[in-house]
Amino acid sequence: MSNISPEKISKCKQLRNLLESNELEFILEAHNGISASIVEHAGFKGIWGSGLALSAQFGVRDSNEASWTQVVDMLEFMSDATSIPILLDGDTGYGNFNNMRRLVKKLEQRDIAGVCIEDKQFPKTNSFIDGNKQPLAEIDEFCGKIKAGKDSQADDNFTIVARVEALIAGWGLTEALKRAEAYHNAGADGILIHSKMSRPDEILAFAKEWAERAPLVIVPTKYYSTPTEAFRKAGIDLVIWANHMIRTSIAAMEATSKTIFKSESLADVEDKIAGVDHVFQLQGADELSRAQKRYLKQKSNIHAIILAASRGSELHELTHDKPKAMISIGGKTLLARLMDGLKKAGINKSTVIAGYKAEAINLPGIEKCINDDYENGDELKTLQCAQENFNDDMLILYSDLLFREYILRDLIETEGEIVIIVDSALGNPNMTGTPDYAYCSRDDDRSPFMQDVILTQVSLSNNIDNKKPSGYWIGMMRVRKQGREWIDTALDELKSAPDFNTLTLPDLLNHLIKQGKPINVHYIDGHWLDVNSLDDIDRANHFTK
């Protein structure tokens, strides 16, 4: 997207204003999105979509070898990259009056401000290639194209410029004036008079005879040495610098490629060409960065802390030579599946706390820390091993979890310094082992807008003071900066407790609750399981299909 603020008026109106300005105006050729952006950044008020340049950037001849739909597709990129109007060099209108009608409609759909068509026969050949041998269209037929185009436009300010080729074809000034008057009467919004002479004499003669009957446009490619002031005095309205961006790029690319080929190095060219940062600027990278901050949650800084120190003795011989996290579910280990889920959520940094058979945890792309005393401690002692790896934005979770992607996505998007996931489906038949029952300030009412639910206790009991639990804590929590500070402090406080080696993550949560720290809850309804037993492996295989 363009970094230049667009004017409040439409592009069609901007081009109309250039044509009808009391001053001599200028537009410059562009042939793709980045060249169009360069033209705008240079200060030009408009862009010439040159047929020569557009065909050249496709690598084909300027003889309608690129289809009009390919041209229009490129114009869409150019229009999207800029806020100034584009006047297309529309050759002969790409066919008869019917093609012209469709062309105008398609140009307006892409916010192209106008089209210039020339009175040669289709398919056209560039005016500077054997111009004298090129036949011109019949005046009435060409006037029909102009009328068809004007009748088809939706915006009254869409501009159709009629390009007179009579001087190029050697038909003389009288024929040029005759054609220009007919095209003006047919509804053309401006007349482009073209010449291949190196002096401006016949252009200035035409302008004098034309006497400002309608906006007059010129393309001084051949008579480029003419002082611009001469055009002002002649009453010219718009000057098109028609092909100099494509020619400049060709010369520069040829020189650079030859230098690199000869030297087999970039040392001689790197300081002489545009920096990559400048390319990013022209592409609108700054705008994308601002949009990402506005529309995307930043996930790349989240650090996952994964507890994977236990053997999982209930799994018997399956964990004889590896921890529970490394058992295979459907051909992929539990930990590998967990890592895949984290990466899909944009979490690429993980620390796995290993213990039993730690050497068996060998997945790439993870940091691993070891709880050497895993046999004499429970979850908090394991978590403490990774305390140096804590981050101001982190995820703490068990390694034996399987869950649908949306659960982690919703957890990341839920506000709170510490947020836990609670499954409110108390009748979940897949729930095995000893569940952590969550008691919350409000039960799940299944509302998508439910907010501000606070955890009041986590317990192994499913009935406290005659109150039923709100659900199960599944073993996953999101921790932000202040929450990290709470956990750091709590671990430092609890490690001196005589029963520290027996404390679990639920004990940590309950400790924080007693201190008045809010633990936010995000409810789910199933779509997860943990692996605690041999029966769970069958459930897990079905879950992953």
Protein backbone atom coordinates (compact mmCIF):
# COMPACT_ATOMS: atom_id res chain seq x y z
CA MET A 1 0.00 0.00 0.00
CA SER A 2 1.10 3.57 -0.63
CA ASN A 3 2.64 5.42 2.31
CA ILE A 4 1.34 8.73 0.91
CA SER A 5 -2.04 9.79 2.23
CA PRO A 6 -4.57 9.82 -0.61
CA GLU A 7 -6.54 12.93 -1.35
CA LYS A 8 -10.21 12.97 -0.48
CA ILE A 9 -11.22 13.14 -4.12
CA SER A 10 -11.43 10.11 -6.38
CA LYS A 11 -8.64 9.15 -8.74
CA CYS A 12 -10.90 9.87 -11.71
CA LYS A 13 -11.46 13.40 -10.44
CA GLN A 14 -7.74 13.84 -9.81
CA LEU A 15 -6.96 12.98 -13.44
CA ARG A 16 -9.75 15.23 -14.70
CA ASN A 17 -8.26 18.07 -12.64
CA LEU A 18 -4.84 17.50 -14.22
CA LEU A 19 -6.31 17.70 -17.72
CA GLU A 20 -8.31 20.82 -16.93
CA SER A 21 -5.64 22.56 -14.86
CA ASN A 22 -4.61 26.09 -15.73
CA GLU A 23 -0.99 25.00 -15.45
CA LEU A 24 1.13 22.60 -17.48
CA GLU A 25 0.99 19.21 -15.72
CA PHE A 26 3.23 16.14 -15.98
CA ILE A 27 2.77 12.39 -15.53
CA LEU A 28 5.44 9.69 -15.66
CA GLU A 29 5.43 6.14 -16.97
CA ALA A 30 5.25 3.14 -14.66
CA HIS A 31 4.88 -0.53 -15.50
CA ASN A 32 4.35 -2.42 -12.21
CA GLY A 33 3.51 -1.81 -8.58
CA ILE A 34 6.96 -0.80 -7.35
CA SER A 35 7.67 1.55 -10.26
CA ALA A 36 4.24 3.15 -9.73
CA SER A 37 5.08 3.65 -6.05
CA ILE A 38 8.40 5.26 -7.04
CA VAL A 39 6.61 7.66 -9.40
CA GLU A 40 4.27 8.76 -6.63
CA HIS A 41 7.07 9.15 -4.09
CA ALA A 42 8.97 11.28 -6.61
CA GLY A 43 6.11 13.80 -6.44
CA PHE A 44 4.22 13.18 -9.68
CA LYS A 45 0.47 13.73 -9.60
CA GLY A 46 -0.30 10.97 -12.08
CA ILE A 47 1.01 7.83 -13.78
CA TRP A 48 1.14 6.82 -17.43
CA GLY A 49 0.46 3.10 -17.87
CA SER A 50 2.63 2.82 -20.96
CA GLY A 51 1.80 0.08 -23.44
CA LEU A 52 5.46 -0.18 -24.41
CA ALA A 53 6.63 -0.45 -20.82
CA LEU A 54 3.90 -2.86 -19.74
CA SER A 55 4.61 -5.19 -22.66
CA ALA A 56 8.37 -4.90 -22.04
CA GLN A 57 8.08 -5.90 -18.40
CA PHE A 58 6.22 -9.01 -19.59
CA GLY A 59 9.07 -9.59 -22.06
CA VAL A 60 6.86 -9.39 -25.17
CA ARG A 61 6.52 -6.96 -28.09
CA ASP A 62 4.37 -3.85 -28.06
CA SER A 63 1.99 -5.38 -30.59
CA ASN A 64 -0.87 -6.55 -28.35
CA GLU A 65 1.08 -9.73 -27.55
CA ALA A 66 0.18 -9.24 -23.89
CA SER A 67 -3.56 -9.66 -23.56
CA TRP A 68 -5.64 -6.79 -22.26
CA THR A 69 -6.60 -8.86 -19.23
CA GLN A 70 -2.91 -9.29 -18.35
CA VAL A 71 -2.46 -5.55 -18.67
CA VAL A 72 -5.48 -4.86 -16.46
CA ASP A 73 -4.23 -7.32 -13.83
CA MET A 74 -0.92 -5.44 -13.63
CA LEU A 75 -2.74 -2.12 -13.45
CA GLU A 76 -4.61 -3.40 -10.40
CA PHE A 77 -1.29 -3.89 -8.57
CA MET A 78 -0.20 -0.41 -9.64
CA SER A 79 -3.44 1.16 -8.48
CA ASP A 80 -3.35 -0.64 -5.14
CA ALA A 81 0.22 0.58 -4.54
CA THR A 82 -0.58 4.25 -5.12
CA SER A 83 -3.05 7.02 -4.37
CA ILE A 84 -2.58 9.02 -7.58
CA PRO A 85 -4.48 8.43 -10.84
CA ILE A 86 -3.35 6.16 -13.66
CA LEU A 87 -3.99 6.94 -17.32
CA LEU A 88 -3.67 3.72 -19.30
CA ASP A 89 -2.10 3.60 -22.71
CA GLY A 90 -4.94 1.46 -24.05
CA ASP A 91 -3.53 0.97 -27.55
CA THR A 92 -6.51 0.72 -29.95
CA GLY A 93 -8.96 -0.28 -27.24
CA TYR A 94 -8.03 -3.95 -27.75
CA GLY A 95 -10.61 -4.51 -30.47
CA ASN A 96 -13.85 -2.92 -31.63
CA PHE A 97 -16.46 -0.85 -29.78
CA ASN A 98 -17.60 -3.87 -27.76
CA ASN A 99 -14.10 -4.57 -26.46
CA MET A 100 -13.87 -0.89 -25.57
CA ARG A 101 -17.05 -1.05 -23.50
CA ARG A 102 -15.77 -3.99 -21.47
CA LEU A 103 -12.34 -2.40 -21.06
CA VAL A 104 -13.80 0.75 -19.53
CA LYS A 105 -15.88 -1.24 -17.07
CA LYS A 106 -12.92 -3.34 -15.99
CA LEU A 107 -10.66 -0.31 -15.61
CA GLU A 108 -13.18 1.45 -13.39
CA GLN A 109 -13.52 -1.68 -11.24
CA ARG A 110 -9.77 -1.41 -10.54
CA ASP A 111 -9.86 2.32 -9.82
CA ILE A 112 -8.01 3.27 -13.03
CA ALA A 113 -8.78 6.91 -13.80
CA GLY A 114 -8.70 6.93 -17.58
CA VAL A 115 -7.62 5.37 -20.84
CA CYS A 116 -5.97 6.74 -23.96
CA ILE A 117 -6.79 4.99 -27.23
CA GLU A 118 -5.10 5.54 -30.59
CA ASP A 119 -6.63 5.62 -34.04
CA LYS A 120 -4.66 2.74 -35.52
CA GLN A 121 -5.95 -0.66 -36.50
CA PHE A 122 -5.91 -3.69 -34.18
CA PRO A 123 -3.50 -5.31 -33.50
CA LYS A 124 -1.33 -2.24 -33.14
CA THR A 125 2.40 -1.80 -33.65
CA ASN A 126 4.48 0.72 -31.73
CA SER A 127 4.35 4.11 -33.42
CA PHE A 128 8.12 4.36 -33.76
CA ILE A 129 8.37 1.08 -35.74
CA ASP A 130 7.66 1.80 -39.42
CA GLY A 131 5.09 4.42 -38.49
CA ASN A 132 4.54 5.57 -42.06
CA LYS A 133 3.45 2.08 -43.08
CA GLN A 134 0.81 1.70 -40.40
CA PRO A 135 -2.80 2.16 -41.58
CA LEU A 136 -5.14 4.29 -39.48
CA ALA A 137 -8.65 3.45 -38.38
CA GLU A 138 -11.64 4.92 -40.16
CA ILE A 139 -12.75 8.11 -38.42
CA ASP A 140 -16.34 6.98 -37.93
CA GLU A 141 -15.26 3.59 -36.55
CA PHE A 142 -12.90 5.23 -34.06
CA CYS A 143 -15.54 7.75 -33.02
CA GLY A 144 -17.82 4.79 -32.33
CA LYS A 145 -15.23 3.41 -29.90
CA ILE A 146 -15.06 6.71 -28.07
CA LYS A 147 -18.85 6.94 -27.80
CA ALA A 148 -19.06 3.32 -26.61
CA GLY A 149 -16.47 3.99 -23.93
CA LYS A 150 -18.19 7.14 -22.70
CA ASP A 151 -21.56 5.41 -22.61
CA SER A 152 -20.08 2.58 -20.53
CA GLN A 153 -18.36 4.60 -17.81
CA ALA A 154 -19.97 4.76 -14.36
CA ASP A 155 -17.95 7.71 -13.04
CA ASP A 156 -18.61 10.96 -14.90
CA ASN A 157 -14.97 11.91 -14.35
CA PHE A 158 -13.52 8.79 -15.97
CA THR A 159 -11.34 10.14 -18.78
CA ILE A 160 -11.01 8.97 -22.37
CA VAL A 161 -8.17 10.56 -24.32
CA ALA A 162 -8.09 10.14 -28.11
CA ARG A 163 -4.59 9.76 -29.55
CA VAL A 164 -4.16 11.08 -33.07
CA GLU A 165 -1.56 9.20 -35.14
CA ALA A 166 -1.93 11.15 -38.38
CA LEU A 167 1.43 12.93 -38.00
CA ILE A 168 3.19 9.63 -37.22
CA ALA A 169 1.66 8.00 -40.32
CA GLY A 170 2.64 10.95 -42.55
CA TRP A 171 -0.89 12.13 -43.25
CA GLY A 172 -0.16 15.72 -42.36
CA LEU A 173 -1.48 18.50 -40.14
CA THR A 174 -4.84 18.91 -41.90
CA GLU A 175 -5.76 15.26 -41.40
CA ALA A 176 -4.58 15.41 -37.79
CA LEU A 177 -6.82 18.40 -37.06
CA LYS A 178 -9.75 16.81 -38.85
CA ARG A 179 -9.47 13.66 -36.79
CA ALA A 180 -8.95 15.52 -33.51
CA GLU A 181 -12.09 17.58 -34.06
CA ALA A 182 -14.14 14.48 -34.89
CA TYR A 183 -12.88 12.68 -31.78
CA HIS A 184 -13.58 15.70 -29.60
CA ASN A 185 -17.13 15.88 -30.94
CA ALA A 186 -17.55 12.15 -30.26
CA GLY A 187 -16.94 12.82 -26.57
CA ALA A 188 -13.17 12.48 -26.04
CA ASP A 189 -12.11 14.34 -22.89
CA GLY A 190 -8.70 15.18 -24.32
CA ILE A 191 -6.61 14.89 -27.49
CA LEU A 192 -3.11 13.39 -27.56
CA ILE A 193 -1.17 14.51 -30.61
CA HIS A 194 1.85 12.36 -31.36
CA SER A 195 4.98 12.91 -33.45
CA LYS A 196 8.21 11.04 -34.15
CA MET A 197 10.12 14.15 -35.26
CA SER A 198 13.16 15.20 -33.24
CA ARG A 199 11.93 18.79 -33.31
CA PRO A 200 8.56 19.95 -31.96
CA ASP A 201 7.58 21.96 -35.02
CA GLU A 202 4.55 19.93 -36.13
CA ILE A 203 3.35 19.51 -32.52
CA LEU A 204 3.54 23.25 -31.91
CA ALA A 205 1.83 23.89 -35.25
CA PHE A 206 -0.99 21.56 -34.27
CA ALA A 207 -1.33 23.24 -30.87
CA LYS A 208 -1.57 26.65 -32.48
CA GLU A 209 -4.32 25.54 -34.87
CA TRP A 210 -6.09 23.56 -32.14
CA ALA A 211 -6.39 26.74 -30.09
CA GLU A 212 -7.26 24.98 -26.80
CA ARG A 213 -10.58 23.56 -28.03
CA ALA A 214 -10.09 20.68 -25.62
CA PRO A 215 -7.27 19.56 -23.30
CA LEU A 216 -4.15 18.76 -25.31
CA VAL A 217 -1.68 16.04 -24.35
CA ILE A 218 1.79 15.40 -25.80
CA VAL A 219 4.50 12.73 -25.50
CA PRO A 220 7.88 14.40 -26.19
CA THR A 221 9.92 11.19 -26.39
CA LYS A 222 11.59 12.15 -29.67
CA TYR A 223 11.71 15.93 -29.22
CA TYR A 224 12.93 15.64 -25.63
CA SER A 225 15.41 18.53 -25.92
CA THR A 226 12.61 21.06 -26.42
CA PRO A 227 12.50 23.52 -23.48
CA THR A 228 9.45 22.84 -21.34
CA GLU A 229 8.58 26.52 -21.46
CA ALA A 230 7.77 26.10 -25.16
CA PHE A 231 5.01 23.68 -24.22
CA ARG A 232 3.58 26.14 -21.71
CA LYS A 233 3.49 28.91 -24.29
CA ALA A 234 1.81 26.59 -26.80
CA GLY A 235 -1.10 25.91 -24.42
CA ILE A 236 -0.27 22.23 -23.85
CA ASP A 237 -2.16 20.85 -20.85
CA LEU A 238 -0.42 17.57 -20.03
CA VAL A 239 3.04 16.18 -20.78
CA ILE A 240 3.63 12.43 -20.62
CA TRP A 241 7.16 11.22 -19.91
CA ALA A 242 6.27 7.94 -21.56
CA ASN A 243 8.88 5.20 -21.14
CA HIS A 244 11.79 6.42 -19.07
CA MET A 245 11.22 4.26 -15.98
CA ILE A 246 11.41 1.01 -17.94
CA ARG A 247 14.42 2.23 -19.94
CA THR A 248 16.21 3.31 -16.77
CA SER A 249 15.61 -0.04 -15.11
CA ILE A 250 16.84 -1.94 -18.17
CA ALA A 251 20.09 0.03 -18.29
CA ALA A 252 20.64 -0.39 -14.55
CA MET A 253 19.85 -4.13 -14.54
CA GLU A 254 22.12 -4.76 -17.52
CA ALA A 255 25.03 -2.93 -15.87
CA THR A 256 24.54 -4.67 -12.53
CA SER A 257 24.17 -8.16 -14.01
CA LYS A 258 27.31 -7.75 -16.13
CA THR A 259 29.32 -6.53 -13.14
CA ILE A 260 28.20 -9.44 -10.95
CA PHE A 261 28.86 -11.97 -13.71
CA LYS A 262 32.33 -10.61 -14.39
CA SER A 263 33.46 -10.17 -10.79
CA GLU A 264 31.70 -13.23 -9.31
CA SER A 265 31.04 -11.02 -6.33
CA LEU A 266 28.55 -8.45 -5.00
CA ALA A 267 31.26 -6.19 -3.56
CA ASP A 268 31.32 -3.85 -6.56
CA VAL A 269 27.56 -3.33 -6.74
CA GLU A 270 26.08 -3.55 -3.25
CA ASP A 271 26.81 0.07 -2.32
CA LYS A 272 25.52 1.36 -5.66
CA ILE A 273 22.05 -0.14 -5.68
CA ALA A 274 18.92 0.37 -3.60
CA GLY A 275 19.08 -1.15 -0.16
CA VAL A 276 16.68 -3.91 0.85
CA ASP A 277 15.19 -1.56 3.44
CA HIS A 278 14.26 0.85 0.64
CA VAL A 279 12.53 -1.99 -1.22
CA PHE A 280 10.58 -2.76 1.95
CA GLN A 281 9.62 0.91 2.22
CA LEU A 282 8.27 1.00 -1.34
CA GLN A 283 6.36 -2.22 -0.70
CA GLY A 284 4.63 -0.65 2.30
CA ALA A 285 6.30 -2.84 4.93
CA ASP A 286 5.89 -0.13 7.57
CA GLU A 287 2.13 -0.09 7.04
CA LEU A 288 2.02 -3.87 7.34
CA SER A 289 3.94 -3.73 10.63
CA ARG A 290 1.47 -1.19 11.98
CA ALA A 291 -1.44 -3.33 10.82
CA GLN A 292 0.02 -6.44 12.43
CA LYS A 293 0.27 -4.64 15.75
CA ARG A 294 -3.35 -3.59 15.42
CA TYR A 295 -4.95 -6.75 14.07
CA LEU A 296 -2.71 -9.65 15.15
CA LYS A 297 -1.99 -10.85 18.61
CA GLN A 298 1.78 -11.03 19.02
CA LYS A 299 2.57 -14.65 19.81
CA SER A 300 6.23 -14.99 18.97
CA ASN A 301 7.45 -14.03 22.46
CA ILE A 302 5.48 -16.68 24.32
CA HIS A 303 7.75 -19.26 25.95
CA ALA A 304 6.30 -22.67 26.73
CA ILE A 305 7.41 -24.47 29.91
CA ILE A 306 6.55 -28.18 29.59
CA LEU A 307 6.64 -30.57 32.54
CA ALA A 308 7.90 -33.92 31.29
CA ALA A 309 9.88 -35.40 34.21
CA SER A 310 7.59 -38.27 35.18
CA ARG A 311 7.74 -41.85 33.99
CA GLY A 312 4.01 -42.56 33.97
CA SER A 313 4.21 -45.85 35.84
CA GLU A 314 0.57 -46.65 35.06
CA LEU A 315 1.68 -47.27 31.47
CA HIS A 316 3.86 -50.18 32.64
CA GLU A 317 6.29 -51.56 30.04
CA LEU A 318 5.58 -48.72 27.57
CA THR A 319 7.65 -46.39 29.72
CA HIS A 320 10.39 -48.88 30.59
CA ASP A 321 12.96 -47.01 28.50
CA LYS A 322 11.38 -43.59 28.06
CA PRO A 323 9.24 -41.05 29.89
CA LYS A 324 5.50 -40.83 29.31
CA ALA A 325 5.98 -37.79 27.05
CA MET A 326 7.81 -39.96 24.50
CA ILE A 327 5.26 -42.74 24.04
CA SER A 328 3.88 -43.00 20.53
CA ILE A 329 0.32 -42.02 19.67
CA GLY A 330 -0.60 -42.77 16.06
CA GLY A 331 3.05 -42.85 14.99
CA LYS A 332 4.07 -39.61 16.72
CA THR A 333 5.14 -39.07 20.31
CA LEU A 334 2.97 -37.17 22.77
CA LEU A 335 5.62 -34.48 23.09
CA ALA A 336 5.99 -34.12 19.30
CA ARG A 337 2.24 -33.67 18.97
CA LEU A 338 2.31 -31.05 21.71
CA MET A 339 5.15 -29.19 19.99
CA ASP A 340 3.23 -29.22 16.69
CA GLY A 341 0.24 -27.63 18.42
CA LEU A 342 2.43 -24.95 19.98
CA LYS A 343 4.04 -24.07 16.65
CA LYS A 344 0.65 -23.76 14.94
CA ALA A 345 -0.22 -21.18 17.61
CA GLY A 346 2.98 -19.25 16.88
CA ILE A 347 4.87 -20.49 19.96
CA ASN A 348 8.32 -21.48 18.75
CA LYS A 349 10.33 -21.33 21.97
CA SER A 350 9.91 -24.18 24.45
CA THR A 351 11.70 -25.50 27.50
CA VAL A 352 11.06 -29.13 28.37
CA ILE A 353 11.79 -30.13 31.97
CA ALA A 354 12.98 -33.74 31.79
CA GLY A 355 13.71 -36.23 34.55
CA TYR A 356 13.10 -39.93 34.06
CA LYS A 357 15.10 -41.21 31.07
CA ALA A 358 15.88 -37.60 30.12
CA GLU A 359 18.17 -38.73 27.31
CA ALA A 360 15.15 -40.15 25.45
CA ILE A 361 13.77 -36.64 24.93
CA ASN A 362 15.61 -35.72 21.76
CA LEU A 363 13.25 -33.58 19.72
CA PRO A 364 14.87 -30.79 17.67
CA GLY A 365 14.15 -27.14 18.45
CA ILE A 366 13.63 -27.43 22.20
CA GLU A 367 15.62 -26.35 25.22
CA LYS A 368 15.90 -29.04 27.84
CA CYS A 369 16.58 -28.73 31.52
CA ILE A 370 16.92 -31.68 33.88
CA ASN A 371 15.33 -32.42 37.22
CA ASP A 372 17.92 -34.88 38.54
CA ASP A 373 15.91 -35.38 41.74
CA TYR A 374 12.61 -36.20 40.02
CA GLU A 375 12.12 -39.35 42.12
CA ASN A 376 12.02 -37.33 45.35
CA GLY A 377 9.90 -34.42 44.21
CA ASP A 378 6.62 -33.57 42.58
CA GLU A 379 5.49 -30.92 40.08
CA LEU A 380 6.65 -27.76 41.88
CA LYS A 381 10.15 -29.09 42.30
CA THR A 382 10.15 -29.90 38.59
CA LEU A 383 8.83 -26.44 37.71
CA GLN A 384 11.49 -24.82 39.91
CA CYS A 385 14.19 -26.38 37.71
CA ALA A 386 13.10 -24.14 34.86
CA GLN A 387 12.72 -20.96 36.90
CA GLU A 388 15.69 -19.37 35.14
CA ASN A 389 13.88 -19.92 31.86
CA PHE A 390 10.72 -18.10 32.94
CA ASN A 391 9.50 -15.38 30.59
CA ASP A 392 7.20 -12.39 31.01
CA ASP A 393 4.87 -14.17 28.58
CA MET A 394 4.76 -17.92 29.02
CA LEU A 395 2.69 -21.06 28.92
CA ILE A 396 2.99 -23.75 31.61
CA LEU A 397 1.53 -27.14 30.77
CA TYR A 398 1.83 -30.89 31.18
CA SER A 399 3.48 -32.92 28.45
CA ASP A 400 0.77 -35.60 28.21
CA LEU A 401 -1.97 -33.31 26.87
CA LEU A 402 -3.82 -33.71 23.58
CA PHE A 403 -6.18 -30.90 22.60
CA ARG A 404 -7.85 -29.20 19.67
CA GLU A 405 -6.08 -26.16 18.25
CA TYR A 406 -8.76 -23.65 19.25
CA ILE A 407 -8.19 -24.32 22.97
CA LEU A 408 -4.65 -22.96 22.89
CA ARG A 409 -5.65 -20.12 20.56
CA ASP A 410 -8.44 -19.03 22.90
CA LEU A 411 -6.15 -19.27 25.93
CA ILE A 412 -3.62 -16.97 24.27
CA GLU A 413 -6.32 -14.41 23.49
CA THR A 414 -7.88 -14.41 26.99
CA GLU A 415 -6.91 -11.48 29.19
CA GLY A 416 -5.43 -12.01 32.64
CA GLU A 417 -2.08 -12.25 34.39
CA ILE A 418 -2.65 -15.95 34.99
CA VAL A 419 -5.31 -17.75 32.94
CA ILE A 420 -6.16 -21.45 33.23
CA ILE A 421 -8.29 -23.71 31.04
CA VAL A 422 -11.22 -25.40 32.77
CA ASP A 423 -13.35 -28.07 31.09
CA SER A 424 -16.92 -27.52 32.30
CA ALA A 425 -18.09 -30.90 30.93
CA LEU A 426 -18.09 -32.71 34.27
CA GLY A 427 -19.65 -35.79 32.70
CA ASN A 428 -16.77 -36.22 30.24
CA PRO A 429 -16.45 -40.03 29.79
CA ASN A 430 -12.83 -39.65 28.65
CA MET A 431 -11.75 -38.22 31.99
CA THR A 432 -9.49 -40.76 33.73
CA GLY A 433 -7.00 -40.77 36.53
CA THR A 434 -7.38 -38.39 39.43
CA PRO A 435 -8.88 -35.15 38.12
CA ASP A 436 -8.10 -31.66 39.41
CA TYR A 437 -11.54 -30.23 40.15
CA ALA A 438 -11.80 -26.48 39.61
CA TYR A 439 -14.12 -24.36 41.74
CA CYS A 440 -14.81 -21.00 40.13
CA SER A 441 -16.62 -17.75 40.88
CA ARG A 442 -19.22 -18.57 38.20
CA ASP A 443 -20.19 -21.75 36.43
CA ASP A 444 -20.01 -21.97 32.66
CA ASP A 445 -23.22 -20.62 31.11
CA ARG A 446 -21.99 -21.50 27.57
CA SER A 447 -22.05 -17.83 26.62
CA PRO A 448 -19.40 -16.80 24.08
CA PHE A 449 -19.16 -13.47 25.89
CA MET A 450 -18.62 -14.90 29.38
CA GLN A 451 -15.88 -12.92 31.13
CA ASP A 452 -14.26 -12.31 34.50
CA VAL A 453 -14.51 -15.85 35.87
CA ILE A 454 -12.06 -16.33 38.74
CA LEU A 455 -10.68 -19.59 40.12
CA THR A 456 -11.46 -20.01 43.83
CA GLN A 457 -9.86 -23.41 44.46
CA VAL A 458 -8.40 -26.51 42.83
CA SER A 459 -9.04 -29.78 44.68
CA LEU A 460 -9.04 -33.54 44.32
CA SER A 461 -12.50 -33.50 45.92
CA ASN A 462 -15.62 -33.20 43.82
CA ASN A 463 -17.63 -31.73 46.69
CA ILE A 464 -16.47 -28.95 48.97
CA ASP A 465 -18.92 -27.50 51.45
CA ASN A 466 -21.77 -29.11 49.49
CA LYS A 467 -20.73 -27.27 46.38
CA LYS A 468 -20.08 -29.03 43.12
CA PRO A 469 -17.00 -28.09 41.09
CA SER A 470 -17.27 -25.94 37.97
CA GLY A 471 -15.15 -28.33 35.93
CA TYR A 472 -11.72 -29.87 35.54
CA TRP A 473 -8.46 -27.98 35.28
CA ILE A 474 -6.78 -29.58 32.28
CA GLY A 475 -3.19 -28.71 33.20
CA MET A 476 -2.57 -25.66 31.00
CA MET A 477 -2.06 -22.03 32.05
CA ARG A 478 -1.01 -18.76 30.42
CA VAL A 479 1.18 -16.44 32.49
CA ARG A 480 1.97 -12.82 31.74
CA LYS A 481 4.47 -10.44 33.35
CA GLN A 482 2.86 -9.79 36.74
CA GLY A 483 1.69 -13.38 36.97
CA ARG A 484 5.26 -14.53 36.39
CA GLU A 485 6.35 -12.33 39.32
CA TRP A 486 3.63 -13.90 41.49
CA ILE A 487 4.81 -17.41 40.61
CA ASP A 488 8.48 -16.54 41.18
CA THR A 489 7.64 -15.21 44.63
CA ALA A 490 5.40 -18.15 45.47
CA LEU A 491 8.09 -20.69 44.51
CA ASP A 492 10.62 -18.87 46.67
CA GLU A 493 8.16 -18.92 49.57
CA LEU A 494 7.09 -22.54 49.17
CA LYS A 495 10.51 -24.13 48.66
CA SER A 496 11.21 -23.75 52.39
CA ALA A 497 8.00 -25.57 53.30
CA PRO A 498 8.59 -29.07 54.76
CA ASP A 499 6.21 -30.62 52.24
CA PHE A 500 7.63 -28.82 49.20
CA ASN A 501 8.65 -32.08 47.51
CA THR A 502 5.02 -33.20 47.44
CA LEU A 503 3.47 -29.99 46.10
CA THR A 504 1.80 -29.81 42.68
CA LEU A 505 0.72 -27.11 40.28
CA PRO A 506 -2.77 -27.05 41.87
CA ASP A 507 -1.04 -26.37 45.21
CA LEU A 508 0.72 -23.42 43.59
CA LEU A 509 -2.59 -22.06 42.27
CA ASN A 510 -4.24 -22.43 45.68
CA HIS A 511 -1.31 -20.63 47.33
CA LEU A 512 -1.73 -17.70 44.95
CA ILE A 513 -5.50 -17.62 45.57
CA LYS A 514 -4.93 -17.42 49.32
CA GLN A 515 -2.68 -14.41 48.69
CA GLY A 516 -5.49 -12.69 46.82
CA LYS A 517 -3.99 -13.12 43.35
CA PRO A 518 -6.70 -13.43 40.65
CA ILE A 519 -6.51 -16.57 38.54
CA ASN A 520 -8.70 -16.07 35.47
CA VAL A 521 -10.64 -18.97 33.96
CA HIS A 522 -11.41 -19.75 30.33
CA TYR A 523 -14.03 -22.47 29.95
CA ILE A 524 -14.06 -25.18 27.30
CA ASP A 525 -16.44 -28.09 26.72
CA GLY A 526 -14.37 -31.20 26.05
CA HIS A 527 -12.07 -31.63 23.02
CA TRP A 528 -9.01 -32.61 25.06
CA LEU A 529 -7.57 -35.54 27.01
CA ASP A 530 -4.48 -36.54 28.93
CA VAL A 531 -2.77 -39.89 28.83
CA ASN A 532 -2.56 -41.64 32.19
CA SER A 533 -3.23 -45.30 31.48
CA LEU A 534 -3.21 -47.99 28.81
CA ASP A 535 -6.91 -47.35 28.17
CA ASP A 536 -6.08 -43.70 27.50
CA ILE A 537 -3.78 -44.74 24.64
CA ASP A 538 -6.73 -46.22 22.76
CA ARG A 539 -8.69 -43.02 23.37
CA ALA A 540 -5.70 -40.94 22.25
CA ASN A 541 -5.32 -42.91 19.00
CA HIS A 542 -8.98 -42.24 18.23
CA PHE A 543 -8.63 -38.57 19.25
CA THR A 544 -5.78 -37.94 16.79
CA LYS A 545 -7.50 -39.46 13.76
